[in-house]
Amino acid sequence: CSAPAAYQGVCDGQHSLAAPWEKQAFELACGVCWPCYEDPLCERDWAHPCPLGYAPVAIDARIFNASDHIMCELVSSSPTQCEHFVSFSSKQEKTDFAERCAPWPCKARCANGDYAECPSGWEAAGNGDCVAPEYYKAPGCRSFRNFKHWTSQMKDQYAQECEVRWPCAAAGVELQSGALPLSICALPDTSACPTFWVSAAGGRMCSPPRYYEGPC
């Protein structure tokens, strides 16, 4: 494997790696990330504004009209060769970034198929009116919209066109495809590392992915 010209890590630019343990050690020591085989149970939520490890940045009102898309800022403290600020104008740009830097979350599905009144992060203003958060900006899409009487199909279409995602209605149960809570698993496998974590030290330890932001 040959490193790209932009690589600035501590390791040499060429390596031959075959065994899984070699790749794991190389990832931890050299600040790189191996791409994952796509999980067939995880449908990526490309409507989510930012990949894992990033958060949307509020747009200053003085430059709102000049902004084209949502800006994402790196919030993970783990070492990375990826950009600290990035925006995306298409699904293709998101998939390209996911392959080389950070994946998108799995798409949530509602147990009863019902979505909430407003998109995730939007504020309900009453009577079906919803106000977008300060970071929201999508070409051809408004920051104030009435979604009263919209069907799930209409909301799905709007999510694709305007880069929003819909949480479940209050009575629904929101599940991430590709990952189930322990209470839903008939027999959870606790013998190995958590999903996306890497076994280390001969299986005695587990190392988190670089976008992990939990309390441990």
N, C-alpha and C. Protein backbone atom coordinates (compact mmCIF):
# COMPACT_ATOMS: atom_id res chain seq x y z
N CYS A 1 0.85 -1.19 0.00
CA CYS A 1 0.00 0.00 0.00
C CYS A 1 0.89 1.24 0.00
N SER A 2 0.55 2.22 -0.84
CA SER A 2 1.28 3.49 -0.91
C SER A 2 0.38 4.61 -0.39
N ALA A 3 0.94 5.45 0.48
CA ALA A 3 0.16 6.54 1.07
C ALA A 3 -0.07 7.65 0.05
N PRO A 4 -1.20 8.38 0.17
CA PRO A 4 -1.42 9.53 -0.71
C PRO A 4 -0.46 10.65 -0.37
N ALA A 5 -0.32 11.59 -1.28
CA ALA A 5 0.63 12.70 -1.07
C ALA A 5 0.26 13.53 0.14
N ALA A 6 -1.02 13.55 0.51
CA ALA A 6 -1.47 14.37 1.63
C ALA A 6 -1.20 13.74 3.00
N TYR A 7 -0.77 12.47 3.02
CA TYR A 7 -0.55 11.79 4.30
C TYR A 7 0.59 12.46 5.07
N GLN A 8 0.33 12.77 6.36
CA GLN A 8 1.31 13.45 7.20
C GLN A 8 1.56 12.69 8.50
N GLY A 9 1.27 11.42 8.50
CA GLY A 9 1.45 10.62 9.71
C GLY A 9 2.90 10.29 9.99
N VAL A 10 3.11 9.49 11.03
CA VAL A 10 4.47 9.20 11.50
C VAL A 10 5.08 7.98 10.80
N CYS A 11 4.28 7.27 9.99
CA CYS A 11 4.76 6.04 9.36
C CYS A 11 5.28 6.30 7.95
N ASP A 12 6.08 5.34 7.46
CA ASP A 12 6.59 5.42 6.10
C ASP A 12 5.44 5.36 5.09
N GLY A 13 5.73 5.83 3.88
CA GLY A 13 4.68 5.93 2.87
C GLY A 13 4.36 4.65 2.15
N GLN A 14 5.10 3.57 2.38
CA GLN A 14 4.82 2.30 1.72
C GLN A 14 4.94 1.16 2.72
N HIS A 15 3.93 0.28 2.69
CA HIS A 15 3.92 -0.86 3.60
C HIS A 15 3.26 -2.05 2.92
N SER A 16 3.69 -3.23 3.30
CA SER A 16 3.06 -4.46 2.86
C SER A 16 2.41 -5.11 4.07
N LEU A 17 1.09 -5.21 4.06
CA LEU A 17 0.35 -5.69 5.22
C LEU A 17 -0.61 -6.78 4.77
N ALA A 18 -0.57 -7.92 5.44
CA ALA A 18 -1.42 -9.04 5.04
C ALA A 18 -2.32 -9.51 6.19
N ALA A 19 -1.72 -9.80 7.33
CA ALA A 19 -2.48 -10.37 8.44
C ALA A 19 -3.38 -9.32 9.08
N PRO A 20 -4.56 -9.72 9.55
CA PRO A 20 -5.47 -8.78 10.21
C PRO A 20 -4.83 -8.06 11.40
N TRP A 21 -4.02 -8.80 12.18
CA TRP A 21 -3.41 -8.16 13.35
C TRP A 21 -2.41 -7.08 12.93
N GLU A 22 -1.74 -7.28 11.76
CA GLU A 22 -0.83 -6.27 11.26
C GLU A 22 -1.58 -5.00 10.88
N LYS A 23 -2.72 -5.18 10.25
CA LYS A 23 -3.52 -4.03 9.84
C LYS A 23 -4.06 -3.27 11.05
N GLN A 24 -4.47 -4.01 12.08
CA GLN A 24 -4.98 -3.37 13.30
C GLN A 24 -3.89 -2.56 13.98
N ALA A 25 -2.70 -3.14 14.08
CA ALA A 25 -1.59 -2.43 14.71
C ALA A 25 -1.18 -1.22 13.90
N PHE A 26 -1.20 -1.35 12.57
CA PHE A 26 -0.84 -0.25 11.69
C PHE A 26 -1.83 0.90 11.84
N GLU A 27 -3.11 0.59 11.95
CA GLU A 27 -4.14 1.62 12.11
C GLU A 27 -3.92 2.42 13.39
N LEU A 28 -3.65 1.71 14.49
CA LEU A 28 -3.48 2.38 15.78
C LEU A 28 -2.20 3.20 15.84
N ALA A 29 -1.14 2.71 15.21
CA ALA A 29 0.15 3.37 15.30
C ALA A 29 0.31 4.52 14.31
N CYS A 30 -0.36 4.44 13.17
CA CYS A 30 -0.09 5.37 12.08
C CYS A 30 -1.21 6.37 11.81
N GLY A 31 -2.27 6.32 12.60
CA GLY A 31 -3.34 7.31 12.43
C GLY A 31 -4.09 7.17 11.13
N VAL A 32 -4.32 5.92 10.68
CA VAL A 32 -5.09 5.68 9.47
C VAL A 32 -6.33 4.89 9.82
N CYS A 33 -7.19 4.72 8.85
CA CYS A 33 -8.44 3.99 9.10
C CYS A 33 -8.70 3.06 7.93
N TRP A 34 -8.90 1.79 8.21
CA TRP A 34 -9.23 0.83 7.16
C TRP A 34 -10.71 0.96 6.82
N PRO A 35 -11.05 0.98 5.53
CA PRO A 35 -12.48 1.03 5.16
C PRO A 35 -13.17 -0.25 5.58
N CYS A 36 -14.42 -0.13 5.98
CA CYS A 36 -15.19 -1.30 6.41
C CYS A 36 -15.90 -1.93 5.21
N TYR A 37 -16.07 -3.24 5.26
CA TYR A 37 -16.99 -3.87 4.33
C TYR A 37 -18.38 -3.35 4.68
N GLU A 38 -19.13 -2.97 3.68
CA GLU A 38 -20.44 -2.38 3.95
C GLU A 38 -21.36 -3.39 4.63
N ASP A 39 -21.92 -3.01 5.75
CA ASP A 39 -22.82 -3.87 6.51
C ASP A 39 -24.17 -3.93 5.79
N PRO A 40 -24.61 -5.12 5.33
CA PRO A 40 -25.88 -5.20 4.61
C PRO A 40 -27.07 -4.82 5.48
N LEU A 41 -26.90 -4.86 6.81
CA LEU A 41 -27.99 -4.50 7.70
C LEU A 41 -28.05 -3.01 7.97
N CYS A 42 -27.03 -2.27 7.53
CA CYS A 42 -26.96 -0.83 7.80
C CYS A 42 -27.21 -0.05 6.51
N GLU A 43 -28.38 0.51 6.39
CA GLU A 43 -28.68 1.41 5.28
C GLU A 43 -28.23 2.81 5.71
N ARG A 44 -27.24 3.36 5.04
CA ARG A 44 -26.68 4.65 5.44
C ARG A 44 -27.70 5.77 5.28
N ASP A 45 -27.73 6.64 6.27
CA ASP A 45 -28.66 7.77 6.27
C ASP A 45 -27.98 8.97 5.62
N TRP A 46 -28.01 9.03 4.29
CA TRP A 46 -27.34 10.11 3.57
C TRP A 46 -28.04 11.44 3.74
N ALA A 47 -29.25 11.46 4.29
CA ALA A 47 -29.93 12.72 4.58
C ALA A 47 -29.37 13.38 5.83
N HIS A 48 -28.64 12.61 6.64
CA HIS A 48 -28.01 13.20 7.83
C HIS A 48 -26.99 14.24 7.38
N PRO A 49 -26.96 15.42 8.00
CA PRO A 49 -26.10 16.49 7.48
C PRO A 49 -24.61 16.20 7.53
N CYS A 50 -24.17 15.44 8.53
CA CYS A 50 -22.72 15.24 8.70
C CYS A 50 -22.40 13.78 9.01
N PRO A 51 -21.18 13.34 8.71
CA PRO A 51 -20.76 11.99 9.07
C PRO A 51 -20.50 11.86 10.57
N LEU A 52 -20.29 10.65 11.01
CA LEU A 52 -19.97 10.42 12.42
C LEU A 52 -18.65 11.11 12.76
N GLY A 53 -18.63 11.75 13.94
CA GLY A 53 -17.45 12.49 14.36
C GLY A 53 -17.47 13.95 13.96
N TYR A 54 -18.50 14.35 13.21
CA TYR A 54 -18.65 15.74 12.77
C TYR A 54 -19.99 16.29 13.25
N ALA A 55 -20.08 17.61 13.37
CA ALA A 55 -21.31 18.27 13.78
C ALA A 55 -21.54 19.50 12.90
N PRO A 56 -22.80 19.80 12.59
CA PRO A 56 -23.09 20.97 11.76
C PRO A 56 -22.77 22.28 12.48
N VAL A 57 -22.33 23.27 11.72
CA VAL A 57 -21.94 24.57 12.27
C VAL A 57 -23.02 25.61 11.95
N ALA A 58 -23.40 26.38 12.95
CA ALA A 58 -24.40 27.43 12.74
C ALA A 58 -23.88 28.45 11.73
N ILE A 59 -24.75 28.91 10.84
CA ILE A 59 -24.38 29.87 9.80
C ILE A 59 -24.65 31.28 10.30
N ASP A 60 -23.64 32.13 10.27
CA ASP A 60 -23.81 33.53 10.66
C ASP A 60 -24.82 34.19 9.73
N ALA A 61 -25.75 34.94 10.31
CA ALA A 61 -26.80 35.59 9.52
C ALA A 61 -26.23 36.52 8.46
N ARG A 62 -25.05 37.08 8.72
CA ARG A 62 -24.45 38.02 7.78
C ARG A 62 -23.95 37.36 6.51
N ILE A 63 -23.69 36.05 6.56
CA ILE A 63 -23.19 35.36 5.37
C ILE A 63 -24.15 34.25 4.93
N PHE A 64 -25.37 34.25 5.46
CA PHE A 64 -26.31 33.17 5.15
C PHE A 64 -26.60 33.09 3.65
N ASN A 65 -26.84 34.23 3.02
CA ASN A 65 -27.18 34.23 1.59
C ASN A 65 -26.03 33.74 0.73
N ALA A 66 -24.81 33.91 1.19
CA ALA A 66 -23.64 33.49 0.42
C ALA A 66 -23.30 32.02 0.64
N SER A 67 -23.92 31.39 1.64
CA SER A 67 -23.65 29.99 1.93
C SER A 67 -24.45 29.10 0.99
N ASP A 68 -23.84 27.98 0.62
CA ASP A 68 -24.50 27.06 -0.31
C ASP A 68 -25.03 25.81 0.37
N HIS A 69 -24.27 25.28 1.34
CA HIS A 69 -24.64 24.01 1.96
C HIS A 69 -24.29 24.04 3.44
N ILE A 70 -24.73 23.00 4.13
CA ILE A 70 -24.41 22.84 5.54
C ILE A 70 -22.91 22.60 5.70
N MET A 71 -22.30 23.29 6.64
CA MET A 71 -20.89 23.12 6.95
C MET A 71 -20.74 22.19 8.16
N CYS A 72 -19.88 21.20 8.05
CA CYS A 72 -19.66 20.25 9.13
C CYS A 72 -18.26 20.46 9.73
N GLU A 73 -18.20 20.41 11.06
CA GLU A 73 -16.93 20.61 11.77
C GLU A 73 -16.54 19.34 12.50
N LEU A 74 -15.27 18.99 12.43
CA LEU A 74 -14.77 17.82 13.14
C LEU A 74 -14.83 18.06 14.65
N VAL A 75 -15.50 17.18 15.37
CA VAL A 75 -15.62 17.33 16.82
C VAL A 75 -14.93 16.19 17.57
N SER A 76 -14.52 15.17 16.84
CA SER A 76 -13.79 14.06 17.47
C SER A 76 -12.38 14.50 17.82
N SER A 77 -11.87 14.03 18.95
CA SER A 77 -10.52 14.39 19.40
C SER A 77 -9.47 13.40 18.91
N SER A 78 -9.90 12.35 18.22
CA SER A 78 -8.95 11.34 17.75
C SER A 78 -8.13 11.89 16.58
N PRO A 79 -6.85 11.48 16.46
CA PRO A 79 -6.02 11.93 15.34
C PRO A 79 -6.63 11.53 14.00
N THR A 80 -6.56 12.41 13.03
CA THR A 80 -7.14 12.12 11.72
C THR A 80 -6.43 12.92 10.64
N GLN A 81 -6.43 12.40 9.44
CA GLN A 81 -5.88 13.10 8.28
C GLN A 81 -7.00 13.79 7.50
N CYS A 82 -8.21 13.74 8.02
CA CYS A 82 -9.36 14.30 7.30
C CYS A 82 -9.53 15.79 7.59
N GLU A 83 -10.30 16.46 6.73
CA GLU A 83 -10.53 17.88 6.88
C GLU A 83 -11.27 18.19 8.19
N HIS A 84 -10.96 19.33 8.78
CA HIS A 84 -11.66 19.74 10.00
C HIS A 84 -12.98 20.42 9.67
N PHE A 85 -13.09 21.02 8.51
CA PHE A 85 -14.34 21.61 8.05
C PHE A 85 -14.63 21.07 6.65
N VAL A 86 -15.85 20.65 6.42
CA VAL A 86 -16.20 20.08 5.12
C VAL A 86 -17.70 20.27 4.87
N SER A 87 -18.07 20.44 3.61
CA SER A 87 -19.48 20.51 3.23
C SER A 87 -19.69 19.61 2.02
N PHE A 88 -20.94 19.25 1.77
CA PHE A 88 -21.26 18.29 0.72
C PHE A 88 -22.41 18.81 -0.12
N SER A 89 -22.25 18.73 -1.43
CA SER A 89 -23.27 19.21 -2.35
C SER A 89 -24.03 18.09 -3.03
N SER A 90 -23.63 16.84 -2.78
CA SER A 90 -24.31 15.71 -3.41
C SER A 90 -24.08 14.45 -2.59
N LYS A 91 -24.90 13.44 -2.87
CA LYS A 91 -24.73 12.15 -2.21
C LYS A 91 -23.40 11.53 -2.60
N GLN A 92 -22.96 11.74 -3.84
CA GLN A 92 -21.69 11.18 -4.30
C GLN A 92 -20.53 11.72 -3.48
N GLU A 93 -20.56 13.03 -3.18
CA GLU A 93 -19.51 13.61 -2.36
C GLU A 93 -19.51 13.00 -0.96
N LYS A 94 -20.69 12.69 -0.44
CA LYS A 94 -20.79 12.08 0.87
C LYS A 94 -20.23 10.66 0.85
N THR A 95 -20.57 9.89 -0.17
CA THR A 95 -20.08 8.52 -0.24
C THR A 95 -18.56 8.50 -0.44
N ASP A 96 -18.03 9.43 -1.23
CA ASP A 96 -16.58 9.51 -1.41
C ASP A 96 -15.88 9.82 -0.09
N PHE A 97 -16.44 10.76 0.68
CA PHE A 97 -15.85 11.13 1.96
C PHE A 97 -15.96 9.96 2.94
N ALA A 98 -17.08 9.26 2.90
CA ALA A 98 -17.27 8.12 3.80
C ALA A 98 -16.24 7.03 3.54
N GLU A 99 -15.87 6.82 2.30
CA GLU A 99 -14.91 5.78 1.96
C GLU A 99 -13.50 6.10 2.46
N ARG A 100 -13.15 7.39 2.52
CA ARG A 100 -11.78 7.73 2.89
C ARG A 100 -11.65 8.30 4.30
N CYS A 101 -12.76 8.70 4.93
CA CYS A 101 -12.65 9.38 6.23
C CYS A 101 -13.59 8.85 7.31
N ALA A 102 -14.86 9.14 7.19
CA ALA A 102 -15.80 8.82 8.28
C ALA A 102 -17.14 8.39 7.71
N PRO A 103 -17.74 7.34 8.27
CA PRO A 103 -19.00 6.84 7.74
C PRO A 103 -20.19 7.67 8.19
N TRP A 104 -21.29 7.50 7.49
CA TRP A 104 -22.55 8.13 7.89
C TRP A 104 -23.30 7.20 8.84
N PRO A 105 -24.16 7.74 9.69
CA PRO A 105 -24.92 6.88 10.60
C PRO A 105 -25.85 5.95 9.82
N CYS A 106 -26.24 4.87 10.47
CA CYS A 106 -27.25 4.00 9.87
C CYS A 106 -28.60 4.70 9.90
N LYS A 107 -29.40 4.40 8.91
CA LYS A 107 -30.71 5.03 8.81
C LYS A 107 -31.65 4.47 9.87
N ALA A 108 -32.36 5.34 10.52
CA ALA A 108 -33.32 4.92 11.55
C ALA A 108 -34.62 4.51 10.88
N ARG A 109 -35.30 3.59 11.49
CA ARG A 109 -36.62 3.20 10.99
C ARG A 109 -37.59 3.23 12.16
N CYS A 110 -38.79 3.68 11.91
CA CYS A 110 -39.80 3.79 12.95
C CYS A 110 -40.61 2.50 13.00
N ALA A 111 -40.80 1.99 14.21
CA ALA A 111 -41.49 0.72 14.38
C ALA A 111 -42.90 0.76 13.80
N ASN A 112 -43.58 1.90 13.94
CA ASN A 112 -44.95 2.00 13.44
C ASN A 112 -45.05 2.78 12.13
N GLY A 113 -43.89 3.18 11.57
CA GLY A 113 -43.90 3.88 10.29
C GLY A 113 -44.30 5.33 10.35
N ASP A 114 -44.49 5.89 11.55
CA ASP A 114 -44.93 7.28 11.68
C ASP A 114 -43.76 8.19 12.00
N TYR A 115 -43.66 9.29 11.26
CA TYR A 115 -42.61 10.29 11.51
C TYR A 115 -43.14 11.41 12.40
N ALA A 116 -42.22 12.11 13.03
CA ALA A 116 -42.59 13.27 13.85
C ALA A 116 -43.09 14.40 12.97
N GLU A 117 -43.63 15.43 13.61
CA GLU A 117 -44.19 16.55 12.86
C GLU A 117 -43.13 17.32 12.09
N CYS A 118 -41.95 17.50 12.72
CA CYS A 118 -40.88 18.28 12.10
C CYS A 118 -39.63 17.43 11.89
N PRO A 119 -38.77 17.81 10.94
CA PRO A 119 -37.50 17.10 10.76
C PRO A 119 -36.63 17.21 12.00
N SER A 120 -35.66 16.33 12.11
CA SER A 120 -34.75 16.33 13.24
C SER A 120 -34.00 17.65 13.33
N GLY A 121 -34.00 18.26 14.52
CA GLY A 121 -33.32 19.52 14.73
C GLY A 121 -34.17 20.75 14.44
N TRP A 122 -35.31 20.55 13.79
CA TRP A 122 -36.21 21.67 13.49
C TRP A 122 -37.12 21.93 14.69
N GLU A 123 -37.55 23.17 14.85
CA GLU A 123 -38.41 23.55 15.97
C GLU A 123 -39.86 23.67 15.52
N ALA A 124 -40.74 23.02 16.25
CA ALA A 124 -42.17 23.10 15.94
C ALA A 124 -42.72 24.45 16.39
N ALA A 125 -43.39 25.14 15.47
CA ALA A 125 -43.94 26.47 15.76
C ALA A 125 -45.46 26.44 15.86
N GLY A 126 -46.06 25.27 15.80
CA GLY A 126 -47.50 25.14 15.94
C GLY A 126 -48.22 25.02 14.61
N ASN A 127 -49.30 24.24 14.60
CA ASN A 127 -50.16 24.08 13.43
C ASN A 127 -49.40 23.51 12.23
N GLY A 128 -48.38 22.69 12.50
CA GLY A 128 -47.64 22.07 11.41
C GLY A 128 -46.45 22.86 10.91
N ASP A 129 -46.28 24.08 11.42
CA ASP A 129 -45.15 24.92 11.00
C ASP A 129 -43.86 24.45 11.68
N CYS A 130 -42.76 24.43 10.93
CA CYS A 130 -41.47 24.00 11.45
C CYS A 130 -40.38 24.99 11.02
N VAL A 131 -39.47 25.31 11.95
CA VAL A 131 -38.38 26.26 11.69
C VAL A 131 -37.05 25.51 11.73
N ALA A 132 -36.23 25.69 10.69
CA ALA A 132 -34.96 24.98 10.57
C ALA A 132 -33.95 25.51 11.59
N PRO A 133 -32.98 24.69 11.99
CA PRO A 133 -31.90 25.15 12.89
C PRO A 133 -30.98 26.13 12.16
N GLU A 134 -30.13 26.81 12.93
CA GLU A 134 -29.27 27.86 12.36
C GLU A 134 -28.24 27.32 11.37
N TYR A 135 -27.92 26.05 11.48
CA TYR A 135 -26.91 25.50 10.57
C TYR A 135 -27.50 25.07 9.22
N TYR A 136 -28.84 25.06 9.10
CA TYR A 136 -29.45 24.45 7.91
C TYR A 136 -29.38 25.36 6.69
N LYS A 137 -28.93 24.78 5.58
CA LYS A 137 -28.93 25.48 4.29
C LYS A 137 -28.85 24.42 3.19
N ALA A 138 -29.88 24.37 2.36
CA ALA A 138 -29.91 23.44 1.23
C ALA A 138 -30.47 24.16 0.02
N PRO A 139 -29.84 24.03 -1.13
CA PRO A 139 -30.28 24.74 -2.34
C PRO A 139 -31.75 24.46 -2.68
N GLY A 140 -32.51 25.52 -2.87
CA GLY A 140 -33.91 25.38 -3.26
C GLY A 140 -34.85 24.99 -2.15
N CYS A 141 -34.36 24.93 -0.90
CA CYS A 141 -35.19 24.51 0.23
C CYS A 141 -35.30 25.64 1.25
N ARG A 142 -36.48 25.77 1.82
CA ARG A 142 -36.73 26.86 2.74
C ARG A 142 -36.40 26.49 4.19
N SER A 143 -36.15 27.52 4.99
CA SER A 143 -35.86 27.32 6.41
C SER A 143 -37.11 27.36 7.27
N PHE A 144 -38.25 27.60 6.64
CA PHE A 144 -39.54 27.61 7.35
C PHE A 144 -40.53 26.88 6.45
N ARG A 145 -41.22 25.86 7.01
CA ARG A 145 -42.10 25.05 6.17
C ARG A 145 -43.24 24.48 7.00
N ASN A 146 -44.38 24.33 6.37
CA ASN A 146 -45.53 23.71 7.02
C ASN A 146 -45.66 22.27 6.52
N PHE A 147 -45.64 21.31 7.45
CA PHE A 147 -45.70 19.89 7.09
C PHE A 147 -47.01 19.24 7.53
N LYS A 148 -48.00 20.04 7.81
CA LYS A 148 -49.28 19.51 8.28
C LYS A 148 -49.91 18.62 7.20
N HIS A 149 -50.37 17.46 7.60
CA HIS A 149 -51.04 16.49 6.73
C HIS A 149 -50.09 15.83 5.73
N TRP A 150 -48.78 15.96 5.91
CA TRP A 150 -47.85 15.29 5.01
C TRP A 150 -47.83 13.79 5.32
N THR A 151 -47.79 12.96 4.29
CA THR A 151 -47.69 11.52 4.46
C THR A 151 -46.22 11.11 4.66
N SER A 152 -46.01 9.88 5.08
CA SER A 152 -44.65 9.38 5.25
C SER A 152 -43.90 9.38 3.92
N GLN A 153 -44.60 9.08 2.84
CA GLN A 153 -43.96 9.08 1.52
C GLN A 153 -43.52 10.49 1.12
N MET A 154 -44.35 11.48 1.41
CA MET A 154 -44.00 12.86 1.11
C MET A 154 -42.77 13.30 1.92
N LYS A 155 -42.72 12.88 3.17
CA LYS A 155 -41.59 13.24 4.03
C LYS A 155 -40.31 12.53 3.58
N ASP A 156 -40.43 11.29 3.13
CA ASP A 156 -39.27 10.58 2.60
C ASP A 156 -38.70 11.31 1.38
N GLN A 157 -39.59 11.76 0.50
CA GLN A 157 -39.15 12.47 -0.69
C GLN A 157 -38.48 13.79 -0.33
N TYR A 158 -39.05 14.49 0.64
CA TYR A 158 -38.49 15.78 1.08
C TYR A 158 -37.12 15.57 1.73
N ALA A 159 -36.97 14.47 2.44
CA ALA A 159 -35.68 14.17 3.08
C ALA A 159 -34.58 14.03 2.03
N GLN A 160 -34.90 13.38 0.92
CA GLN A 160 -33.91 13.19 -0.14
C GLN A 160 -33.60 14.50 -0.86
N GLU A 161 -34.61 15.33 -1.06
CA GLU A 161 -34.43 16.56 -1.83
C GLU A 161 -33.79 17.67 -1.01
N CYS A 162 -34.08 17.72 0.29
CA CYS A 162 -33.67 18.86 1.10
C CYS A 162 -32.75 18.51 2.27
N GLU A 163 -32.17 17.32 2.26
CA GLU A 163 -31.14 16.96 3.23
C GLU A 163 -31.62 17.11 4.68
N VAL A 164 -32.76 16.54 4.97
CA VAL A 164 -33.26 16.49 6.35
C VAL A 164 -33.51 15.03 6.69
N ARG A 165 -33.67 14.76 7.97
CA ARG A 165 -34.03 13.42 8.42
C ARG A 165 -35.18 13.55 9.41
N TRP A 166 -36.02 12.53 9.47
CA TRP A 166 -37.22 12.58 10.29
C TRP A 166 -37.11 11.63 11.48
N PRO A 167 -37.25 12.13 12.69
CA PRO A 167 -37.33 11.23 13.84
C PRO A 167 -38.71 10.58 13.87
N CYS A 168 -38.85 9.57 14.68
CA CYS A 168 -40.15 8.91 14.81
C CYS A 168 -41.09 9.77 15.63
N ALA A 169 -42.39 9.56 15.41
CA ALA A 169 -43.40 10.21 16.24
C ALA A 169 -43.21 9.76 17.69
N ALA A 170 -43.76 10.52 18.62
CA ALA A 170 -43.54 10.26 20.05
C ALA A 170 -43.91 8.84 20.44
N ALA A 171 -44.93 8.28 19.80
CA ALA A 171 -45.37 6.94 20.17
C ALA A 171 -44.57 5.84 19.51
N GLY A 172 -43.71 6.22 18.54
CA GLY A 172 -42.96 5.23 17.78
C GLY A 172 -41.68 4.85 18.47
N VAL A 173 -41.06 3.81 17.98
CA VAL A 173 -39.77 3.36 18.47
C VAL A 173 -38.78 3.50 17.34
N GLU A 174 -37.72 4.26 17.57
CA GLU A 174 -36.74 4.50 16.53
C GLU A 174 -35.57 3.54 16.68
N LEU A 175 -35.34 2.73 15.67
CA LEU A 175 -34.28 1.74 15.70
C LEU A 175 -33.27 2.06 14.62
N GLN A 176 -31.99 1.88 14.92
CA GLN A 176 -30.96 2.04 13.92
C GLN A 176 -30.79 0.72 13.17
N SER A 177 -30.98 0.76 11.85
CA SER A 177 -30.75 -0.45 11.08
C SER A 177 -29.30 -0.85 11.20
N GLY A 178 -29.05 -2.13 11.40
CA GLY A 178 -27.68 -2.61 11.54
C GLY A 178 -27.23 -2.70 12.98
N ALA A 179 -27.98 -2.14 13.92
CA ALA A 179 -27.60 -2.21 15.33
C ALA A 179 -28.87 -2.21 16.17
N LEU A 180 -29.04 -3.23 17.00
CA LEU A 180 -30.23 -3.34 17.83
C LEU A 180 -29.87 -3.21 19.30
N PRO A 181 -30.75 -2.56 20.10
CA PRO A 181 -30.50 -2.49 21.54
C PRO A 181 -30.43 -3.90 22.14
N LEU A 182 -29.69 -4.05 23.24
CA LEU A 182 -29.55 -5.36 23.87
C LEU A 182 -30.89 -5.95 24.25
N SER A 183 -31.86 -5.07 24.61
CA SER A 183 -33.16 -5.57 25.03
C SER A 183 -33.91 -6.23 23.88
N ILE A 184 -33.53 -5.92 22.63
CA ILE A 184 -34.22 -6.48 21.48
C ILE A 184 -33.50 -7.73 20.98
N CYS A 185 -32.18 -7.82 21.17
CA CYS A 185 -31.43 -9.00 20.74
C CYS A 185 -31.86 -10.21 21.57
N ALA A 186 -32.13 -11.33 20.89
CA ALA A 186 -32.50 -12.53 21.63
C ALA A 186 -31.33 -13.03 22.47
N LEU A 187 -30.12 -12.98 21.89
CA LEU A 187 -28.93 -13.42 22.61
C LEU A 187 -27.75 -12.58 22.12
N PRO A 188 -27.50 -11.43 22.72
CA PRO A 188 -26.41 -10.56 22.25
C PRO A 188 -25.05 -11.24 22.39
N ASP A 189 -24.18 -11.01 21.42
CA ASP A 189 -22.83 -11.57 21.45
C ASP A 189 -21.91 -10.61 22.18
N THR A 190 -21.59 -10.95 23.43
CA THR A 190 -20.72 -10.10 24.24
C THR A 190 -19.31 -10.68 24.37
N SER A 191 -19.02 -11.70 23.55
CA SER A 191 -17.71 -12.35 23.65
C SER A 191 -16.62 -11.58 22.92
N ALA A 192 -17.00 -10.73 21.95
CA ALA A 192 -16.03 -9.98 21.17
C ALA A 192 -16.17 -8.49 21.47
N CYS A 193 -15.56 -7.66 20.64
CA CYS A 193 -15.62 -6.21 20.83
C CYS A 193 -16.94 -5.65 20.34
N PRO A 194 -17.32 -4.44 20.82
CA PRO A 194 -18.52 -3.79 20.29
C PRO A 194 -18.39 -3.55 18.79
N THR A 195 -19.51 -3.35 18.13
CA THR A 195 -19.53 -3.09 16.70
C THR A 195 -18.65 -1.89 16.37
N PHE A 196 -17.80 -2.05 15.36
CA PHE A 196 -16.87 -1.03 14.86
C PHE A 196 -15.62 -0.86 15.73
N TRP A 197 -15.56 -1.51 16.92
CA TRP A 197 -14.34 -1.46 17.73
C TRP A 197 -13.38 -2.54 17.23
N VAL A 198 -12.08 -2.36 17.53
CA VAL A 198 -11.05 -3.27 17.02
C VAL A 198 -10.41 -4.02 18.18
N SER A 199 -10.29 -5.33 18.02
CA SER A 199 -9.63 -6.15 19.03
C SER A 199 -8.14 -5.83 19.04
N ALA A 200 -7.56 -5.70 20.23
CA ALA A 200 -6.14 -5.36 20.37
C ALA A 200 -5.54 -6.17 21.50
N ALA A 201 -4.20 -6.13 21.58
CA ALA A 201 -3.46 -6.83 22.64
C ALA A 201 -3.84 -8.29 22.72
N GLY A 202 -3.89 -8.94 21.55
CA GLY A 202 -4.18 -10.36 21.53
C GLY A 202 -5.58 -10.71 21.98
N GLY A 203 -6.52 -9.79 21.80
CA GLY A 203 -7.90 -10.04 22.19
C GLY A 203 -8.23 -9.66 23.61
N ARG A 204 -7.25 -9.13 24.35
CA ARG A 204 -7.49 -8.76 25.75
C ARG A 204 -8.09 -7.35 25.88
N MET A 205 -8.01 -6.55 24.82
CA MET A 205 -8.52 -5.18 24.87
C MET A 205 -9.29 -4.86 23.59
N CYS A 206 -10.10 -3.83 23.64
CA CYS A 206 -10.84 -3.35 22.47
C CYS A 206 -10.54 -1.86 22.28
N SER A 207 -10.21 -1.48 21.06
CA SER A 207 -9.93 -0.08 20.75
C SER A 207 -11.11 0.53 19.99
N PRO A 208 -11.56 1.72 20.38
CA PRO A 208 -12.74 2.32 19.75
C PRO A 208 -12.41 2.89 18.37
N PRO A 209 -13.42 3.07 17.51
CA PRO A 209 -13.19 3.77 16.25
C PRO A 209 -12.85 5.22 16.53
N ARG A 210 -12.21 5.90 15.58
CA ARG A 210 -11.72 7.25 15.83
C ARG A 210 -12.83 8.28 15.97
N TYR A 211 -14.06 7.93 15.56
CA TYR A 211 -15.16 8.87 15.71
C TYR A 211 -15.95 8.65 16.99
N TYR A 212 -15.50 7.70 17.85
CA TYR A 212 -16.21 7.43 19.09
C TYR A 212 -16.18 8.64 20.03
N GLU A 213 -17.35 8.98 20.59
CA GLU A 213 -17.44 10.16 21.46
C GLU A 213 -18.13 9.84 22.78
N GLY A 214 -18.15 8.57 23.15
CA GLY A 214 -18.83 8.17 24.38
C GLY A 214 -18.04 8.53 25.62
N PRO A 215 -18.58 8.20 26.81
CA PRO A 215 -17.94 8.61 28.07
C PRO A 215 -16.79 7.71 28.50
N CYS A 216 -16.55 6.57 27.83
CA CYS A 216 -15.54 5.62 28.30
C CYS A 216 -14.18 5.86 27.62
